[in-house]
Amino acid sequence: LSCVASESIFGVYNIGWYRQAPGKQR
């Protein structure tokens, strides 16, 4: 999987991956 940001954010934000199955929490 890939996540592309609109700008250079890696000095500002951390990046997390979440997942959500039907009927379950993210």
mmCIF file of all heavy atoms, coordinates in Angstrom:
data_MODEL
# 
_entry.id   MODEL 
# 
loop_
_atom_site.group_PDB 
_atom_site.id 
_atom_site.type_symbol 
_atom_site.label_atom_id 
_atom_site.label_alt_id 
_atom_site.label_comp_id 
_atom_site.label_asym_id 
_atom_site.label_entity_id 
_atom_site.label_seq_id 
_atom_site.pdbx_PDB_ins_code 
_atom_site.Cartn_x 
_atom_site.Cartn_y 
_atom_site.Cartn_z 
_atom_site.occupancy 
_atom_site.B_iso_or_equiv 
_atom_site.pdbx_formal_charge 
_atom_site.auth_seq_id 
_atom_site.auth_comp_id 
_atom_site.auth_asym_id 
_atom_site.auth_atom_id 
_atom_site.pdbx_PDB_model_num 
ATOM 1   N N   . LEU A 1 1  ? 0.835   -1.187 0.000  1.00 0.00 ? 1  LEU A N   1 
ATOM 2   C CA  . LEU A 1 1  ? 0.000   0.000  0.000  1.00 0.00 ? 1  LEU A CA  1 
ATOM 3   C C   . LEU A 1 1  ? 0.878   1.247  0.000  1.00 0.00 ? 1  LEU A C   1 
ATOM 4   O O   . LEU A 1 1  ? 1.966   1.252  0.578  1.00 0.00 ? 1  LEU A O   1 
ATOM 5   C CB  . LEU A 1 1  ? -0.918  0.027  1.218  1.00 0.00 ? 1  LEU A CB  1 
ATOM 6   C CG  . LEU A 1 1  ? -1.789  -1.208 1.450  1.00 0.00 ? 1  LEU A CG  1 
ATOM 7   C CD1 . LEU A 1 1  ? -2.697  -0.987 2.654  1.00 0.00 ? 1  LEU A CD1 1 
ATOM 8   C CD2 . LEU A 1 1  ? -2.603  -1.550 0.209  1.00 0.00 ? 1  LEU A CD2 1 
ATOM 9   N N   . SER A 1 2  ? 0.393   2.298  -0.631 1.00 0.00 ? 2  SER A N   1 
ATOM 10  C CA  . SER A 1 2  ? 1.120   3.560  -0.694 1.00 0.00 ? 2  SER A CA  1 
ATOM 11  C C   . SER A 1 2  ? 0.248   4.690  -0.169 1.00 0.00 ? 2  SER A C   1 
ATOM 12  O O   . SER A 1 2  ? -0.972  4.672  -0.340 1.00 0.00 ? 2  SER A O   1 
ATOM 13  C CB  . SER A 1 2  ? 1.541   3.876  -2.133 1.00 0.00 ? 2  SER A CB  1 
ATOM 14  O OG  . SER A 1 2  ? 2.397   2.886  -2.659 1.00 0.00 ? 2  SER A OG  1 
ATOM 15  N N   . CYS A 1 3  ? 0.877   5.662  0.448  1.00 0.00 ? 3  CYS A N   1 
ATOM 16  C CA  . CYS A 1 3  ? 0.210   6.859  0.940  1.00 0.00 ? 3  CYS A CA  1 
ATOM 17  C C   . CYS A 1 3  ? 1.034   8.058  0.498  1.00 0.00 ? 3  CYS A C   1 
ATOM 18  O O   . CYS A 1 3  ? 2.177   8.219  0.942  1.00 0.00 ? 3  CYS A O   1 
ATOM 19  C CB  . CYS A 1 3  ? 0.093   6.817  2.466  1.00 0.00 ? 3  CYS A CB  1 
ATOM 20  S SG  . CYS A 1 3  ? -0.593  8.309  3.221  1.00 0.00 ? 3  CYS A SG  1 
ATOM 21  N N   . VAL A 1 4  ? 0.461   8.877  -0.373 1.00 0.00 ? 4  VAL A N   1 
ATOM 22  C CA  . VAL A 1 4  ? 1.161   10.018 -0.937 1.00 0.00 ? 4  VAL A CA  1 
ATOM 23  C C   . VAL A 1 4  ? 0.597   11.302 -0.336 1.00 0.00 ? 4  VAL A C   1 
ATOM 24  O O   . VAL A 1 4  ? -0.612  11.529 -0.380 1.00 0.00 ? 4  VAL A O   1 
ATOM 25  C CB  . VAL A 1 4  ? 1.040   10.054 -2.468 1.00 0.00 ? 4  VAL A CB  1 
ATOM 26  C CG1 . VAL A 1 4  ? 1.833   11.234 -3.029 1.00 0.00 ? 4  VAL A CG1 1 
ATOM 27  C CG2 . VAL A 1 4  ? 1.535   8.752  -3.076 1.00 0.00 ? 4  VAL A CG2 1 
ATOM 28  N N   . ALA A 1 5  ? 1.467   12.133 0.206  1.00 0.00 ? 5  ALA A N   1 
ATOM 29  C CA  . ALA A 1 5  ? 1.066   13.398 0.801  1.00 0.00 ? 5  ALA A CA  1 
ATOM 30  C C   . ALA A 1 5  ? 1.198   14.535 -0.195 1.00 0.00 ? 5  ALA A C   1 
ATOM 31  O O   . ALA A 1 5  ? 2.007   14.477 -1.129 1.00 0.00 ? 5  ALA A O   1 
ATOM 32  C CB  . ALA A 1 5  ? 1.906   13.692 2.038  1.00 0.00 ? 5  ALA A CB  1 
ATOM 33  N N   . SER A 1 6  ? 0.406   15.579 0.020  1.00 0.00 ? 6  SER A N   1 
ATOM 34  C CA  . SER A 1 6  ? 0.400   16.721 -0.880 1.00 0.00 ? 6  SER A CA  1 
ATOM 35  C C   . SER A 1 6  ? 1.631   17.605 -0.745 1.00 0.00 ? 6  SER A C   1 
ATOM 36  O O   . SER A 1 6  ? 1.866   18.463 -1.591 1.00 0.00 ? 6  SER A O   1 
ATOM 37  C CB  . SER A 1 6  ? -0.857  17.559 -0.643 1.00 0.00 ? 6  SER A CB  1 
ATOM 38  O OG  . SER A 1 6  ? -0.900  18.036 0.687  1.00 0.00 ? 6  SER A OG  1 
ATOM 39  N N   . GLU A 1 7  ? 2.393   17.398 0.299  1.00 0.00 ? 7  GLU A N   1 
ATOM 40  C CA  . GLU A 1 7  ? 3.563   18.207 0.564  1.00 0.00 ? 7  GLU A CA  1 
ATOM 41  C C   . GLU A 1 7  ? 4.528   17.422 1.436  1.00 0.00 ? 7  GLU A C   1 
ATOM 42  O O   . GLU A 1 7  ? 4.200   16.329 1.902  1.00 0.00 ? 7  GLU A O   1 
ATOM 43  C CB  . GLU A 1 7  ? 3.175   19.513 1.260  1.00 0.00 ? 7  GLU A CB  1 
ATOM 44  C CG  . GLU A 1 7  ? 2.434   19.291 2.569  1.00 0.00 ? 7  GLU A CG  1 
ATOM 45  C CD  . GLU A 1 7  ? 1.773   20.539 3.096  1.00 0.00 ? 7  GLU A CD  1 
ATOM 46  O OE1 . GLU A 1 7  ? 0.724   20.917 2.547  1.00 0.00 ? 7  GLU A OE1 1 
ATOM 47  O OE2 . GLU A 1 7  ? 2.328   21.137 4.041  1.00 0.00 ? 7  GLU A OE2 1 
ATOM 48  N N   . SER A 1 8  ? 5.706   17.981 1.667  1.00 0.00 ? 8  SER A N   1 
ATOM 49  C CA  . SER A 1 8  ? 6.682   17.342 2.539  1.00 0.00 ? 8  SER A CA  1 
ATOM 50  C C   . SER A 1 8  ? 6.257   17.543 3.987  1.00 0.00 ? 8  SER A C   1 
ATOM 51  O O   . SER A 1 8  ? 6.371   18.634 4.535  1.00 0.00 ? 8  SER A O   1 
ATOM 52  C CB  . SER A 1 8  ? 8.077   17.924 2.300  1.00 0.00 ? 8  SER A CB  1 
ATOM 53  O OG  . SER A 1 8  ? 8.505   17.689 0.973  1.00 0.00 ? 8  SER A OG  1 
ATOM 54  N N   . ILE A 1 9  ? 5.784   16.476 4.607  1.00 0.00 ? 9  ILE A N   1 
ATOM 55  C CA  . ILE A 1 9  ? 5.224   16.565 5.954  1.00 0.00 ? 9  ILE A CA  1 
ATOM 56  C C   . ILE A 1 9  ? 6.004   15.764 6.976  1.00 0.00 ? 9  ILE A C   1 
ATOM 57  O O   . ILE A 1 9  ? 5.662   15.769 8.154  1.00 0.00 ? 9  ILE A O   1 
ATOM 58  C CB  . ILE A 1 9  ? 3.761   16.099 5.979  1.00 0.00 ? 9  ILE A CB  1 
ATOM 59  C CG1 . ILE A 1 9  ? 3.670   14.620 5.614  1.00 0.00 ? 9  ILE A CG1 1 
ATOM 60  C CG2 . ILE A 1 9  ? 2.912   16.951 5.042  1.00 0.00 ? 9  ILE A CG2 1 
ATOM 61  C CD1 . ILE A 1 9  ? 2.299   14.016 5.832  1.00 0.00 ? 9  ILE A CD1 1 
ATOM 62  N N   . PHE A 1 10 ? 7.040   15.079 6.558  1.00 0.00 ? 10 PHE A N   1 
ATOM 63  C CA  . PHE A 1 10 ? 7.692   14.116 7.438  1.00 0.00 ? 10 PHE A CA  1 
ATOM 64  C C   . PHE A 1 10 ? 8.517   14.756 8.541  1.00 0.00 ? 10 PHE A C   1 
ATOM 65  O O   . PHE A 1 10 ? 8.919   14.065 9.482  1.00 0.00 ? 10 PHE A O   1 
ATOM 66  C CB  . PHE A 1 10 ? 8.528   13.135 6.608  1.00 0.00 ? 10 PHE A CB  1 
ATOM 67  C CG  . PHE A 1 10 ? 7.699   12.354 5.630  1.00 0.00 ? 10 PHE A CG  1 
ATOM 68  C CD1 . PHE A 1 10 ? 7.835   12.550 4.263  1.00 0.00 ? 10 PHE A CD1 1 
ATOM 69  C CD2 . PHE A 1 10 ? 6.762   11.442 6.078  1.00 0.00 ? 10 PHE A CD2 1 
ATOM 70  C CE1 . PHE A 1 10 ? 7.058   11.844 3.364  1.00 0.00 ? 10 PHE A CE1 1 
ATOM 71  C CE2 . PHE A 1 10 ? 5.976   10.735 5.188  1.00 0.00 ? 10 PHE A CE2 1 
ATOM 72  C CZ  . PHE A 1 10 ? 6.123   10.935 3.823  1.00 0.00 ? 10 PHE A CZ  1 
ATOM 73  N N   . GLY A 1 11 ? 8.746   16.055 8.465  1.00 0.00 ? 11 GLY A N   1 
ATOM 74  C CA  . GLY A 1 11 ? 9.352   16.760 9.577  1.00 0.00 ? 11 GLY A CA  1 
ATOM 75  C C   . GLY A 1 11 ? 8.330   17.313 10.536 1.00 0.00 ? 11 GLY A C   1 
ATOM 76  O O   . GLY A 1 11 ? 8.694   17.902 11.556 1.00 0.00 ? 11 GLY A O   1 
ATOM 77  N N   . VAL A 1 12 ? 7.052   17.135 10.221 1.00 0.00 ? 12 VAL A N   1 
ATOM 78  C CA  . VAL A 1 12 ? 5.953   17.701 11.003 1.00 0.00 ? 12 VAL A CA  1 
ATOM 79  C C   . VAL A 1 12 ? 5.064   16.615 11.587 1.00 0.00 ? 12 VAL A C   1 
ATOM 80  O O   . VAL A 1 12 ? 4.682   16.679 12.757 1.00 0.00 ? 12 VAL A O   1 
ATOM 81  C CB  . VAL A 1 12 ? 5.115   18.662 10.136 1.00 0.00 ? 12 VAL A CB  1 
ATOM 82  C CG1 . VAL A 1 12 ? 3.960   19.245 10.950 1.00 0.00 ? 12 VAL A CG1 1 
ATOM 83  C CG2 . VAL A 1 12 ? 5.987   19.763 9.558  1.00 0.00 ? 12 VAL A CG2 1 
ATOM 84  N N   . TYR A 1 13 ? 4.715   15.629 10.774 1.00 0.00 ? 13 TYR A N   1 
ATOM 85  C CA  . TYR A 1 13 ? 3.769   14.593 11.173 1.00 0.00 ? 13 TYR A CA  1 
ATOM 86  C C   . TYR A 1 13 ? 4.388   13.207 11.124 1.00 0.00 ? 13 TYR A C   1 
ATOM 87  O O   . TYR A 1 13 ? 5.258   12.918 10.300 1.00 0.00 ? 13 TYR A O   1 
ATOM 88  C CB  . TYR A 1 13 ? 2.548   14.595 10.259 1.00 0.00 ? 13 TYR A CB  1 
ATOM 89  C CG  . TYR A 1 13 ? 1.675   15.823 10.356 1.00 0.00 ? 13 TYR A CG  1 
ATOM 90  C CD1 . TYR A 1 13 ? 1.727   16.807 9.371  1.00 0.00 ? 13 TYR A CD1 1 
ATOM 91  C CD2 . TYR A 1 13 ? 0.800   15.987 11.421 1.00 0.00 ? 13 TYR A CD2 1 
ATOM 92  C CE1 . TYR A 1 13 ? 0.920   17.924 9.452  1.00 0.00 ? 13 TYR A CE1 1 
ATOM 93  C CE2 . TYR A 1 13 ? -0.003  17.109 11.505 1.00 0.00 ? 13 TYR A CE2 1 
ATOM 94  C CZ  . TYR A 1 13 ? 0.056   18.068 10.519 1.00 0.00 ? 13 TYR A CZ  1 
ATOM 95  O OH  . TYR A 1 13 ? -0.747  19.180 10.597 1.00 0.00 ? 13 TYR A OH  1 
ATOM 96  N N   . ASN A 1 14 ? 3.895   12.367 11.985 1.00 0.00 ? 14 ASN A N   1 
ATOM 97  C CA  . ASN A 1 14 ? 4.101   10.934 11.874 1.00 0.00 ? 14 ASN A CA  1 
ATOM 98  C C   . ASN A 1 14 ? 3.000   10.385 10.968 1.00 0.00 ? 14 ASN A C   1 
ATOM 99  O O   . ASN A 1 14 ? 1.974   11.031 10.761 1.00 0.00 ? 14 ASN A O   1 
ATOM 100 C CB  . ASN A 1 14 ? 4.014   10.288 13.253 1.00 0.00 ? 14 ASN A CB  1 
ATOM 101 C CG  . ASN A 1 14 ? 4.859   11.020 14.274 1.00 0.00 ? 14 ASN A CG  1 
ATOM 102 O OD1 . ASN A 1 14 ? 6.065   10.813 14.360 1.00 0.00 ? 14 ASN A OD1 1 
ATOM 103 N ND2 . ASN A 1 14 ? 4.227   11.889 15.064 1.00 0.00 ? 14 ASN A ND2 1 
ATOM 104 N N   . ILE A 1 15 ? 3.216   9.202  10.414 1.00 0.00 ? 15 ILE A N   1 
ATOM 105 C CA  . ILE A 1 15 ? 2.216   8.594  9.536  1.00 0.00 ? 15 ILE A CA  1 
ATOM 106 C C   . ILE A 1 15 ? 1.820   7.235  10.089 1.00 0.00 ? 15 ILE A C   1 
ATOM 107 O O   . ILE A 1 15 ? 2.684   6.396  10.370 1.00 0.00 ? 15 ILE A O   1 
ATOM 108 C CB  . ILE A 1 15 ? 2.724   8.450  8.102  1.00 0.00 ? 15 ILE A CB  1 
ATOM 109 C CG1 . ILE A 1 15 ? 3.042   9.820  7.493  1.00 0.00 ? 15 ILE A CG1 1 
ATOM 110 C CG2 . ILE A 1 15 ? 1.682   7.720  7.250  1.00 0.00 ? 15 ILE A CG2 1 
ATOM 111 C CD1 . ILE A 1 15 ? 1.825   10.714 7.316  1.00 0.00 ? 15 ILE A CD1 1 
ATOM 112 N N   . GLY A 1 16 ? 0.521   7.039  10.221 1.00 0.00 ? 16 GLY A N   1 
ATOM 113 C CA  . GLY A 1 16 ? -0.005  5.762  10.670 1.00 0.00 ? 16 GLY A CA  1 
ATOM 114 C C   . GLY A 1 16 ? -0.884  5.123  9.618  1.00 0.00 ? 16 GLY A C   1 
ATOM 115 O O   . GLY A 1 16 ? -1.477  5.811  8.778  1.00 0.00 ? 16 GLY A O   1 
ATOM 116 N N   . TRP A 1 17 ? -0.945  3.808  9.657  1.00 0.00 ? 17 TRP A N   1 
ATOM 117 C CA  . TRP A 1 17 ? -1.887  3.048  8.844  1.00 0.00 ? 17 TRP A CA  1 
ATOM 118 C C   . TRP A 1 17 ? -2.941  2.442  9.766  1.00 0.00 ? 17 TRP A C   1 
ATOM 119 O O   . TRP A 1 17 ? -2.603  1.788  10.761 1.00 0.00 ? 17 TRP A O   1 
ATOM 120 C CB  . TRP A 1 17 ? -1.196  1.942  8.057  1.00 0.00 ? 17 TRP A CB  1 
ATOM 121 C CG  . TRP A 1 17 ? -0.490  2.407  6.825  1.00 0.00 ? 17 TRP A CG  1 
ATOM 122 C CD1 . TRP A 1 17 ? 0.829   2.685  6.680  1.00 0.00 ? 17 TRP A CD1 1 
ATOM 123 C CD2 . TRP A 1 17 ? -1.089  2.628  5.544  1.00 0.00 ? 17 TRP A CD2 1 
ATOM 124 N NE1 . TRP A 1 17 ? 1.102   3.069  5.397  1.00 0.00 ? 17 TRP A NE1 1 
ATOM 125 C CE2 . TRP A 1 17 ? -0.059  3.044  4.670  1.00 0.00 ? 17 TRP A CE2 1 
ATOM 126 C CE3 . TRP A 1 17 ? -2.382  2.512  5.039  1.00 0.00 ? 17 TRP A CE3 1 
ATOM 127 C CZ2 . TRP A 1 17 ? -0.285  3.354  3.330  1.00 0.00 ? 17 TRP A CZ2 1 
ATOM 128 C CZ3 . TRP A 1 17 ? -2.610  2.819  3.704  1.00 0.00 ? 17 TRP A CZ3 1 
ATOM 129 C CH2 . TRP A 1 17 ? -1.566  3.234  2.869  1.00 0.00 ? 17 TRP A CH2 1 
ATOM 130 N N   . TYR A 1 18 ? -4.187  2.680  9.428  1.00 0.00 ? 18 TYR A N   1 
ATOM 131 C CA  . TYR A 1 18 ? -5.325  2.110  10.129 1.00 0.00 ? 18 TYR A CA  1 
ATOM 132 C C   . TYR A 1 18 ? -6.068  1.166  9.201  1.00 0.00 ? 18 TYR A C   1 
ATOM 133 O O   . TYR A 1 18 ? -5.946  1.249  7.988  1.00 0.00 ? 18 TYR A O   1 
ATOM 134 C CB  . TYR A 1 18 ? -6.292  3.199  10.581 1.00 0.00 ? 18 TYR A CB  1 
ATOM 135 C CG  . TYR A 1 18 ? -5.837  4.040  11.760 1.00 0.00 ? 18 TYR A CG  1 
ATOM 136 C CD1 . TYR A 1 18 ? -4.852  5.004  11.616 1.00 0.00 ? 18 TYR A CD1 1 
ATOM 137 C CD2 . TYR A 1 18 ? -6.423  3.874  13.014 1.00 0.00 ? 18 TYR A CD2 1 
ATOM 138 C CE1 . TYR A 1 18 ? -4.447  5.782  12.687 1.00 0.00 ? 18 TYR A CE1 1 
ATOM 139 C CE2 . TYR A 1 18 ? -6.034  4.648  14.083 1.00 0.00 ? 18 TYR A CE2 1 
ATOM 140 C CZ  . TYR A 1 18 ? -5.049  5.600  13.918 1.00 0.00 ? 18 TYR A CZ  1 
ATOM 141 O OH  . TYR A 1 18 ? -4.664  6.374  14.995 1.00 0.00 ? 18 TYR A OH  1 
ATOM 142 N N   . ARG A 1 19 ? -6.874  0.292  9.787  1.00 0.00 ? 19 ARG A N   1 
ATOM 143 C CA  . ARG A 1 19 ? -7.757  -0.536 8.983  1.00 0.00 ? 19 ARG A CA  1 
ATOM 144 C C   . ARG A 1 19 ? -9.094  -0.698 9.688  1.00 0.00 ? 19 ARG A C   1 
ATOM 145 O O   . ARG A 1 19 ? -9.178  -0.656 10.909 1.00 0.00 ? 19 ARG A O   1 
ATOM 146 C CB  . ARG A 1 19 ? -7.141  -1.904 8.686  1.00 0.00 ? 19 ARG A CB  1 
ATOM 147 C CG  . ARG A 1 19 ? -6.964  -2.817 9.891  1.00 0.00 ? 19 ARG A CG  1 
ATOM 148 C CD  . ARG A 1 19 ? -6.229  -4.086 9.469  1.00 0.00 ? 19 ARG A CD  1 
ATOM 149 N NE  . ARG A 1 19 ? -6.067  -5.018 10.573 1.00 0.00 ? 19 ARG A NE  1 
ATOM 150 C CZ  . ARG A 1 19 ? -5.346  -6.129 10.503 1.00 0.00 ? 19 ARG A CZ  1 
ATOM 151 N NH1 . ARG A 1 19 ? -4.708  -6.444 9.368  1.00 0.00 ? 19 ARG A NH1 1 
ATOM 152 N NH2 . ARG A 1 19 ? -5.252  -6.929 11.556 1.00 0.00 ? 19 ARG A NH2 1 
ATOM 153 N N   . GLN A 1 20 ? -10.125 -0.886 8.885  1.00 0.00 ? 20 GLN A N   1 
ATOM 154 C CA  . GLN A 1 20 ? -11.473 -1.033 9.411  1.00 0.00 ? 20 GLN A CA  1 
ATOM 155 C C   . GLN A 1 20 ? -12.229 -2.075 8.594  1.00 0.00 ? 20 GLN A C   1 
ATOM 156 O O   . GLN A 1 20 ? -12.431 -1.902 7.393  1.00 0.00 ? 20 GLN A O   1 
ATOM 157 C CB  . GLN A 1 20 ? -12.220 0.301  9.385  1.00 0.00 ? 20 GLN A CB  1 
ATOM 158 C CG  . GLN A 1 20 ? -13.574 0.260  10.064 1.00 0.00 ? 20 GLN A CG  1 
ATOM 159 C CD  . GLN A 1 20 ? -14.160 1.642  10.253 1.00 0.00 ? 20 GLN A CD  1 
ATOM 160 O OE1 . GLN A 1 20 ? -13.866 2.561  9.485  1.00 0.00 ? 20 GLN A OE1 1 
ATOM 161 N NE2 . GLN A 1 20 ? -14.978 1.811  11.269 1.00 0.00 ? 20 GLN A NE2 1 
ATOM 162 N N   . ALA A 1 21 ? -12.627 -3.142 9.259  1.00 0.00 ? 21 ALA A N   1 
ATOM 163 C CA  . ALA A 1 21 ? -13.450 -4.169 8.653  1.00 0.00 ? 21 ALA A CA  1 
ATOM 164 C C   . ALA A 1 21 ? -14.917 -3.841 8.913  1.00 0.00 ? 21 ALA A C   1 
ATOM 165 O O   . ALA A 1 21 ? -15.242 -3.113 9.856  1.00 0.00 ? 21 ALA A O   1 
ATOM 166 C CB  . ALA A 1 21 ? -13.094 -5.541 9.216  1.00 0.00 ? 21 ALA A CB  1 
ATOM 167 N N   . PRO A 1 22 ? -15.833 -4.368 8.102  1.00 0.00 ? 22 PRO A N   1 
ATOM 168 C CA  . PRO A 1 22 ? -17.252 -4.084 8.300  1.00 0.00 ? 22 PRO A CA  1 
ATOM 169 C C   . PRO A 1 22 ? -17.714 -4.420 9.708  1.00 0.00 ? 22 PRO A C   1 
ATOM 170 O O   . PRO A 1 22 ? -17.440 -5.505 10.223 1.00 0.00 ? 22 PRO A O   1 
ATOM 171 C CB  . PRO A 1 22 ? -17.936 -4.981 7.266  1.00 0.00 ? 22 PRO A CB  1 
ATOM 172 C CG  . PRO A 1 22 ? -16.919 -5.147 6.185  1.00 0.00 ? 22 PRO A CG  1 
ATOM 173 C CD  . PRO A 1 22 ? -15.605 -5.206 6.908  1.00 0.00 ? 22 PRO A CD  1 
ATOM 174 N N   . GLY A 1 23 ? -18.394 -3.478 10.343 1.00 0.00 ? 23 GLY A N   1 
ATOM 175 C CA  . GLY A 1 23 ? -18.917 -3.687 11.677 1.00 0.00 ? 23 GLY A CA  1 
ATOM 176 C C   . GLY A 1 23 ? -17.898 -3.601 12.792 1.00 0.00 ? 23 GLY A C   1 
ATOM 177 O O   . GLY A 1 23 ? -18.240 -3.863 13.949 1.00 0.00 ? 23 GLY A O   1 
ATOM 178 N N   . LYS A 1 24 ? -16.661 -3.242 12.470 1.00 0.00 ? 24 LYS A N   1 
ATOM 179 C CA  . LYS A 1 24 ? -15.609 -3.184 13.475 1.00 0.00 ? 24 LYS A CA  1 
ATOM 180 C C   . LYS A 1 24 ? -15.038 -1.777 13.587 1.00 0.00 ? 24 LYS A C   1 
ATOM 181 O O   . LYS A 1 24 ? -15.269 -0.922 12.741 1.00 0.00 ? 24 LYS A O   1 
ATOM 182 C CB  . LYS A 1 24 ? -14.496 -4.178 13.141 1.00 0.00 ? 24 LYS A CB  1 
ATOM 183 C CG  . LYS A 1 24 ? -14.936 -5.633 13.152 1.00 0.00 ? 24 LYS A CG  1 
ATOM 184 C CD  . LYS A 1 24 ? -13.772 -6.568 12.905 1.00 0.00 ? 24 LYS A CD  1 
ATOM 185 C CE  . LYS A 1 24 ? -14.197 -8.015 12.955 1.00 0.00 ? 24 LYS A CE  1 
ATOM 186 N NZ  . LYS A 1 24 ? -13.050 -8.934 12.708 1.00 0.00 ? 24 LYS A NZ  1 
ATOM 187 N N   . GLN A 1 25 ? -14.288 -1.553 14.648 1.00 0.00 ? 25 GLN A N   1 
ATOM 188 C CA  . GLN A 1 25 ? -13.628 -0.277 14.877 1.00 0.00 ? 25 GLN A CA  1 
ATOM 189 C C   . GLN A 1 25 ? -12.467 -0.091 13.914 1.00 0.00 ? 25 GLN A C   1 
ATOM 190 O O   . GLN A 1 25 ? -11.926 -1.054 13.370 1.00 0.00 ? 25 GLN A O   1 
ATOM 191 C CB  . GLN A 1 25 ? -13.123 -0.184 16.314 1.00 0.00 ? 25 GLN A CB  1 
ATOM 192 C CG  . GLN A 1 25 ? -14.210 -0.212 17.371 1.00 0.00 ? 25 GLN A CG  1 
ATOM 193 C CD  . GLN A 1 25 ? -13.639 -0.100 18.774 1.00 0.00 ? 25 GLN A CD  1 
ATOM 194 O OE1 . GLN A 1 25 ? -12.437 -0.290 18.989 1.00 0.00 ? 25 GLN A OE1 1 
ATOM 195 N NE2 . GLN A 1 25 ? -14.491 0.210  19.733 1.00 0.00 ? 25 GLN A NE2 1 
ATOM 196 N N   . ARG A 1 26 ? -12.101 1.165  13.727 1.00 0.00 ? 26 ARG A N   1 
ATOM 197 C CA  . ARG A 1 26 ? -10.917 1.477  12.944 1.00 0.00 ? 26 ARG A CA  1 
ATOM 198 C C   . ARG A 1 26 ? -9.702  1.374  13.870 1.00 0.00 ? 26 ARG A C   1 
ATOM 199 O O   . ARG A 1 26 ? -9.582  2.129  14.832 1.00 0.00 ? 26 ARG A O   1 
ATOM 200 C CB  . ARG A 1 26 ? -11.025 2.876  12.339 1.00 0.00 ? 26 ARG A CB  1 
ATOM 201 C CG  . ARG A 1 26 ? -9.880  3.230  11.404 1.00 0.00 ? 26 ARG A CG  1 
ATOM 202 C CD  . ARG A 1 26 ? -10.090 4.576  10.727 1.00 0.00 ? 26 ARG A CD  1 
ATOM 203 N NE  . ARG A 1 26 ? -11.267 4.571  9.870  1.00 0.00 ? 26 ARG A NE  1 
ATOM 204 C CZ  . ARG A 1 26 ? -11.599 5.574  9.066  1.00 0.00 ? 26 ARG A CZ  1 
ATOM 205 N NH1 . ARG A 1 26 ? -10.831 6.658  9.001  1.00 0.00 ? 26 ARG A NH1 1 
ATOM 206 N NH2 . ARG A 1 26 ? -12.694 5.498  8.331  1.00 0.00 ? 26 ARG A NH2 1 
# 
